[in-house]
Amino acid sequence: MKDHFDRLRDISVKFDSKDLEYSSCFESALFPLPPWELETAEEVLPISTGAERSEKEKTIVSLEKFVEKETKNIPVGEEKKVAFAGGEVAISTTACEIVHQLQGSAPDLVSNKLLAVFLGDLIPSDENDEKVNQINGTLSRMISAMNLSDGEFERKSSLRYAIDEDDEVKSKEVIDQFFTYIYSHQIKVVLTFGGLDSRSLIGKRDRLARIHGKFIQKKISFSDGTSYLFNIVPIFHPAYLRVNPKMKKTTWEDLQRVMRFLNKY
């Protein structure tokens, strides 16, 4: 339960004594079930720690979704606020803003600009082939559900195969190369699947349970003064959803936020 409230700590709510009158309105704003998995509603309802959610937590989750729906056209990074008779609800979608300094001059831009990059594919030869293929297949269906056309996105293997968290120099070289790629393609958003890929790009450790679905602004800054701002959105990895299927609905909600940002919803 505590993890869930940590994730929602940036929600501010003000009510008067009539707040319970709006519960049905909030519940009607709930997102649909994930189209990339044909599961029953019982299987995909989100949970906090395996225990039944309290009425208070249900209300907070509903408030977040209500604000997201009503403020879908507000730019990322700006406060999202909904006022109504008896109170208001506000939520910030940006967890932080981080600058990553790159040495040298910015490279030339390429012609094939991309909207999004999905970082988290597993390599079959490194693990059980059948299991990895199933996980990557789930990721394929998740991407397909986001209405992105060919040429608007690319998939990349997880950074777990390229970096060594105990080797700071090597890891920095890999990250620098990836950010140069982000700049040259003018990518708008990077979806990081799993904890390692998320913390590698964000540059600090943070619990995925707290930051998933949030738009984390990252600025790439080159020595020649060129800079580029894009967004990182941490997402639960399909491998995690295999062992915790009740988080599929939450993950679909996170993907829908990205779809709205890219005008694909």
Protein backbone atom coordinates (compact mmCIF):
# COMPACT_ATOMS: atom_id res chain seq x y z
CA MET A 1 0.00 0.00 0.00
CA LYS A 2 2.81 2.43 0.90
CA ASP A 3 4.45 1.99 -2.53
CA HIS A 4 1.25 2.99 -4.29
CA PHE A 5 0.83 6.16 -2.22
CA ASP A 6 4.49 7.06 -2.84
CA ARG A 7 3.75 6.91 -6.58
CA LEU A 8 0.78 9.22 -6.20
CA ARG A 9 2.36 11.64 -3.76
CA ASP A 10 2.34 14.48 -6.29
CA ILE A 11 -1.46 14.47 -6.53
CA SER A 12 -3.12 17.34 -4.67
CA VAL A 13 -6.81 17.19 -3.88
CA LYS A 14 -9.20 19.66 -2.26
CA PHE A 15 -12.82 18.74 -1.43
CA ASP A 16 -15.71 20.04 0.54
CA SER A 17 -18.18 17.90 2.47
CA LYS A 18 -19.88 16.77 -0.76
CA ASP A 19 -16.84 14.92 -2.13
CA LEU A 20 -18.54 11.52 -2.13
CA GLU A 21 -21.05 12.75 -4.71
CA TYR A 22 -18.34 12.64 -7.38
CA SER A 23 -17.25 9.01 -6.90
CA SER A 24 -19.38 7.68 -9.73
CA CYS A 25 -17.93 10.33 -12.07
CA PHE A 26 -14.40 9.27 -11.19
CA GLU A 27 -15.15 5.59 -11.63
CA SER A 28 -16.63 6.25 -15.08
CA ALA A 29 -13.27 7.67 -16.15
CA LEU A 30 -11.44 4.35 -15.64
CA PHE A 31 -9.41 3.15 -18.62
CA PRO A 32 -10.50 0.09 -20.61
CA LEU A 33 -8.79 -3.25 -20.27
CA PRO A 34 -5.55 -3.75 -22.22
CA PRO A 35 -6.30 -4.78 -25.81
CA TRP A 36 -2.96 -6.58 -26.13
CA GLU A 37 -4.00 -9.31 -23.68
CA LEU A 38 -7.39 -11.06 -23.70
CA GLU A 39 -7.71 -11.55 -19.97
CA THR A 40 -10.70 -11.39 -17.68
CA ALA A 41 -11.41 -8.24 -15.71
CA GLU A 42 -10.65 -10.07 -12.50
CA GLU A 43 -7.14 -10.91 -13.71
CA VAL A 44 -6.14 -7.40 -14.73
CA LEU A 45 -7.45 -5.27 -11.89
CA PRO A 46 -4.49 -3.35 -10.41
CA ILE A 47 -3.34 -4.08 -6.88
CA SER A 48 -0.85 -2.46 -4.53
CA THR A 49 0.84 -5.24 -2.61
CA GLY A 50 -1.43 -8.23 -3.20
CA ALA A 51 -3.93 -7.13 -0.56
CA GLU A 52 -7.36 -5.80 -1.33
CA ARG A 53 -7.24 -2.06 -1.96
CA SER A 54 -8.87 0.20 0.58
CA GLU A 55 -11.68 2.55 -0.41
CA LYS A 56 -9.29 5.47 0.12
CA GLU A 57 -6.74 4.06 -2.33
CA LYS A 58 -9.43 3.29 -4.89
CA THR A 59 -10.56 6.91 -4.70
CA ILE A 60 -7.01 8.21 -5.20
CA VAL A 61 -6.44 5.96 -8.23
CA SER A 62 -9.77 7.03 -9.70
CA LEU A 63 -8.88 10.69 -9.16
CA GLU A 64 -5.62 10.27 -11.06
CA LYS A 65 -7.38 8.66 -14.01
CA PHE A 66 -10.16 11.25 -13.97
CA VAL A 67 -7.62 14.10 -14.22
CA GLU A 68 -5.66 12.31 -16.95
CA LYS A 69 -8.81 11.95 -19.07
CA GLU A 70 -10.03 15.51 -18.55
CA THR A 71 -6.63 17.13 -19.21
CA LYS A 72 -5.31 14.98 -22.07
CA ASN A 73 -4.53 18.04 -24.24
CA ILE A 74 -2.35 19.77 -21.64
CA PRO A 75 1.38 19.59 -22.59
CA VAL A 76 3.66 17.25 -20.68
CA GLY A 77 5.34 18.98 -17.76
CA GLU A 78 2.50 21.40 -17.04
CA GLU A 79 0.28 20.93 -14.03
CA LYS A 80 -2.92 19.10 -14.82
CA LYS A 81 -5.83 20.47 -12.82
CA VAL A 82 -9.57 19.88 -12.85
CA ALA A 83 -11.91 22.15 -10.88
CA PHE A 84 -15.47 21.25 -10.05
CA ALA A 85 -18.19 22.31 -7.62
CA GLY A 86 -16.79 21.49 -4.22
CA GLY A 87 -13.08 21.14 -4.97
CA GLU A 88 -10.26 20.57 -7.42
CA VAL A 89 -7.78 17.83 -8.35
CA ALA A 90 -4.25 18.53 -9.63
CA ILE A 91 -1.43 16.23 -10.71
CA SER A 92 2.06 16.76 -12.11
CA THR A 93 3.19 14.28 -14.79
CA THR A 94 6.88 15.20 -14.73
CA ALA A 95 8.93 13.42 -12.08
CA CYS A 96 12.13 15.40 -12.66
CA GLU A 97 14.32 17.06 -15.26
CA ILE A 98 17.88 15.83 -15.77
CA VAL A 99 20.74 17.09 -17.94
CA HIS A 100 23.17 14.65 -19.54
CA GLN A 101 26.38 16.30 -20.74
CA LEU A 102 28.05 14.95 -23.89
CA GLN A 103 31.54 15.93 -25.00
CA GLY A 104 32.14 17.14 -28.55
CA SER A 105 29.85 18.64 -31.16
CA ALA A 106 26.34 17.49 -31.92
CA PRO A 107 26.19 15.07 -34.90
CA ASP A 108 24.22 15.75 -38.07
CA LEU A 109 20.53 14.95 -37.95
CA VAL A 110 19.26 12.00 -39.96
CA SER A 111 16.27 12.12 -42.27
CA ASN A 112 14.20 9.41 -40.58
CA LYS A 113 12.88 11.16 -37.49
CA LEU A 114 11.24 8.86 -34.94
CA LEU A 115 8.46 9.45 -32.47
CA ALA A 116 9.35 6.73 -29.99
CA VAL A 117 11.91 4.10 -29.05
CA PHE A 118 11.04 0.98 -27.06
CA LEU A 119 14.02 -0.10 -24.99
CA GLY A 120 13.79 -3.56 -23.48
CA ASP A 121 13.87 -6.38 -26.04
CA LEU A 122 15.48 -9.55 -24.68
CA ILE A 123 18.06 -11.57 -26.61
CA PRO A 124 17.00 -15.23 -26.99
CA SER A 125 20.52 -16.60 -27.11
CA ASP A 126 21.17 -15.23 -23.64
CA GLU A 127 18.23 -16.92 -21.96
CA ASN A 128 15.60 -19.61 -22.54
CA ASP A 129 14.63 -19.11 -26.18
CA GLU A 130 10.98 -20.07 -25.87
CA LYS A 131 10.40 -17.91 -22.80
CA VAL A 132 12.18 -14.90 -24.30
CA ASN A 133 10.26 -15.21 -27.58
CA GLN A 134 7.00 -15.20 -25.64
CA ILE A 135 8.05 -12.11 -23.69
CA ASN A 136 9.15 -10.26 -26.82
CA GLY A 137 5.88 -11.32 -28.47
CA THR A 138 3.95 -9.66 -25.66
CA LEU A 139 6.00 -6.50 -26.18
CA SER A 140 5.14 -6.63 -29.89
CA ARG A 141 1.42 -6.72 -29.07
CA MET A 142 1.80 -3.85 -26.62
CA ILE A 143 3.48 -1.73 -29.30
CA SER A 144 0.87 -2.70 -31.89
CA ALA A 145 -1.90 -1.52 -29.56
CA MET A 146 -0.37 1.96 -29.49
CA ASN A 147 -1.32 2.73 -33.13
CA LEU A 148 2.21 3.60 -34.22
CA SER A 149 3.00 3.20 -37.90
CA ASP A 150 6.15 1.69 -39.41
CA GLY A 151 8.87 4.32 -39.42
CA GLU A 152 7.51 6.10 -36.35
CA PHE A 153 9.26 3.86 -33.83
CA GLU A 154 12.18 1.51 -33.30
CA ARG A 155 12.86 -1.31 -30.85
CA LYS A 156 16.16 -1.73 -29.06
CA SER A 157 17.59 -4.53 -26.97
CA SER A 158 17.74 -4.00 -23.24
CA LEU A 159 20.84 -2.17 -22.03
CA ARG A 160 21.48 -5.11 -19.71
CA TYR A 161 23.44 -6.69 -22.58
CA ALA A 162 25.67 -3.65 -23.12
CA ILE A 163 26.39 -2.02 -19.79
CA ASP A 164 28.00 -3.13 -16.57
CA GLU A 165 26.65 -1.28 -13.54
CA ASP A 166 29.95 -1.97 -11.79
CA ASP A 167 31.95 -0.40 -14.66
CA GLU A 168 31.09 3.30 -14.65
CA VAL A 169 33.33 4.22 -17.60
CA LYS A 170 31.96 1.53 -19.93
CA SER A 171 28.39 2.27 -18.90
CA LYS A 172 28.83 5.98 -19.63
CA GLU A 173 30.15 5.21 -23.12
CA VAL A 174 27.08 3.08 -23.88
CA ILE A 175 24.69 5.72 -22.54
CA ASP A 176 26.47 8.50 -24.46
CA GLN A 177 26.12 6.53 -27.69
CA PHE A 178 22.44 5.94 -27.03
CA PHE A 179 21.78 9.62 -26.30
CA THR A 180 23.61 10.61 -29.48
CA TYR A 181 21.24 8.29 -31.33
CA ILE A 182 18.27 9.94 -29.58
CA TYR A 183 19.46 13.37 -30.68
CA SER A 184 20.28 12.45 -34.28
CA HIS A 185 16.80 10.93 -34.79
CA GLN A 186 15.06 13.70 -32.78
CA ILE A 187 13.13 11.10 -30.79
CA LYS A 188 10.31 12.48 -28.66
CA VAL A 189 9.95 9.72 -26.08
CA VAL A 190 11.86 6.65 -24.93
CA LEU A 191 9.88 3.91 -23.20
CA THR A 192 12.16 1.98 -20.88
CA PHE A 193 10.90 -1.48 -19.96
CA GLY A 194 12.21 -2.63 -16.59
CA GLY A 195 14.24 -1.18 -13.75
CA LEU A 196 17.76 -1.43 -15.18
CA ASP A 197 16.97 0.35 -18.45
CA SER A 198 15.03 3.03 -16.58
CA ARG A 199 17.70 3.88 -14.03
CA SER A 200 20.46 3.68 -16.66
CA LEU A 201 18.85 6.46 -18.72
CA ILE A 202 17.47 8.51 -15.85
CA GLY A 203 20.86 8.47 -14.16
CA LYS A 204 19.74 7.56 -10.68
CA ARG A 205 18.09 4.73 -8.81
CA ASP A 206 14.38 5.02 -8.21
CA ARG A 207 11.74 2.40 -7.62
CA LEU A 208 9.90 1.52 -10.81
CA ALA A 209 6.74 1.15 -8.73
CA ARG A 210 6.99 4.87 -7.96
CA ILE A 211 7.93 6.33 -11.36
CA HIS A 212 6.24 4.04 -13.91
CA GLY A 213 4.08 5.94 -16.38
CA LYS A 214 5.63 9.31 -15.51
CA PHE A 215 7.21 11.58 -18.12
CA ILE A 216 10.77 12.29 -17.00
CA GLN A 217 12.31 15.10 -19.00
CA LYS A 218 15.91 14.59 -20.06
CA LYS A 219 18.12 17.19 -21.70
CA ILE A 220 21.06 16.13 -23.85
CA SER A 221 23.67 18.87 -23.84
CA PHE A 222 26.72 18.85 -26.15
CA SER A 223 29.95 20.76 -25.57
CA ASP A 224 29.27 23.02 -28.56
CA GLY A 225 26.16 24.38 -26.86
CA THR A 226 23.62 22.26 -28.76
CA SER A 227 20.95 20.69 -26.60
CA TYR A 228 17.88 18.51 -27.05
CA LEU A 229 15.00 17.77 -24.69
CA PHE A 230 13.05 14.51 -24.78
CA ASN A 231 11.05 12.33 -22.39
CA ILE A 232 11.72 9.01 -20.70
CA VAL A 233 8.71 6.97 -19.60
CA PRO A 234 9.45 3.90 -17.42
CA ILE A 235 7.12 0.95 -18.07
CA PHE A 236 6.77 -2.44 -16.40
CA HIS A 237 8.52 -5.09 -18.51
CA PRO A 238 6.41 -7.86 -20.11
CA ALA A 239 8.55 -10.34 -18.17
CA TYR A 240 7.27 -8.78 -14.94
CA LEU A 241 3.69 -8.89 -16.21
CA ARG A 242 4.05 -12.67 -16.67
CA VAL A 243 4.55 -13.10 -12.92
CA ASN A 244 2.21 -10.27 -11.90
CA PRO A 245 -0.61 -10.21 -14.48
CA LYS A 246 -2.73 -7.97 -12.28
CA MET A 247 -0.50 -5.08 -13.31
CA LYS A 248 -1.43 -5.36 -17.00
CA LYS A 249 -4.24 -2.83 -16.69
CA THR A 250 -1.93 -0.36 -14.95
CA THR A 251 0.64 -0.84 -17.71
CA TRP A 252 -1.96 -0.20 -20.40
CA GLU A 253 -2.90 3.04 -18.66
CA ASP A 254 0.77 4.07 -18.77
CA LEU A 255 0.97 3.29 -22.49
CA GLN A 256 -2.18 5.31 -23.13
CA ARG A 257 -0.52 8.37 -21.59
CA VAL A 258 2.24 8.03 -24.17
CA MET A 259 -0.33 7.59 -26.94
CA ARG A 260 -2.03 10.84 -25.97
CA PHE A 261 1.31 12.62 -25.90
CA LEU A 262 2.06 11.37 -29.43
CA ASN A 263 -1.51 12.09 -30.65
CA LYS A 264 -2.11 8.38 -31.24
CA TYR A 265 -5.02 7.89 -28.86
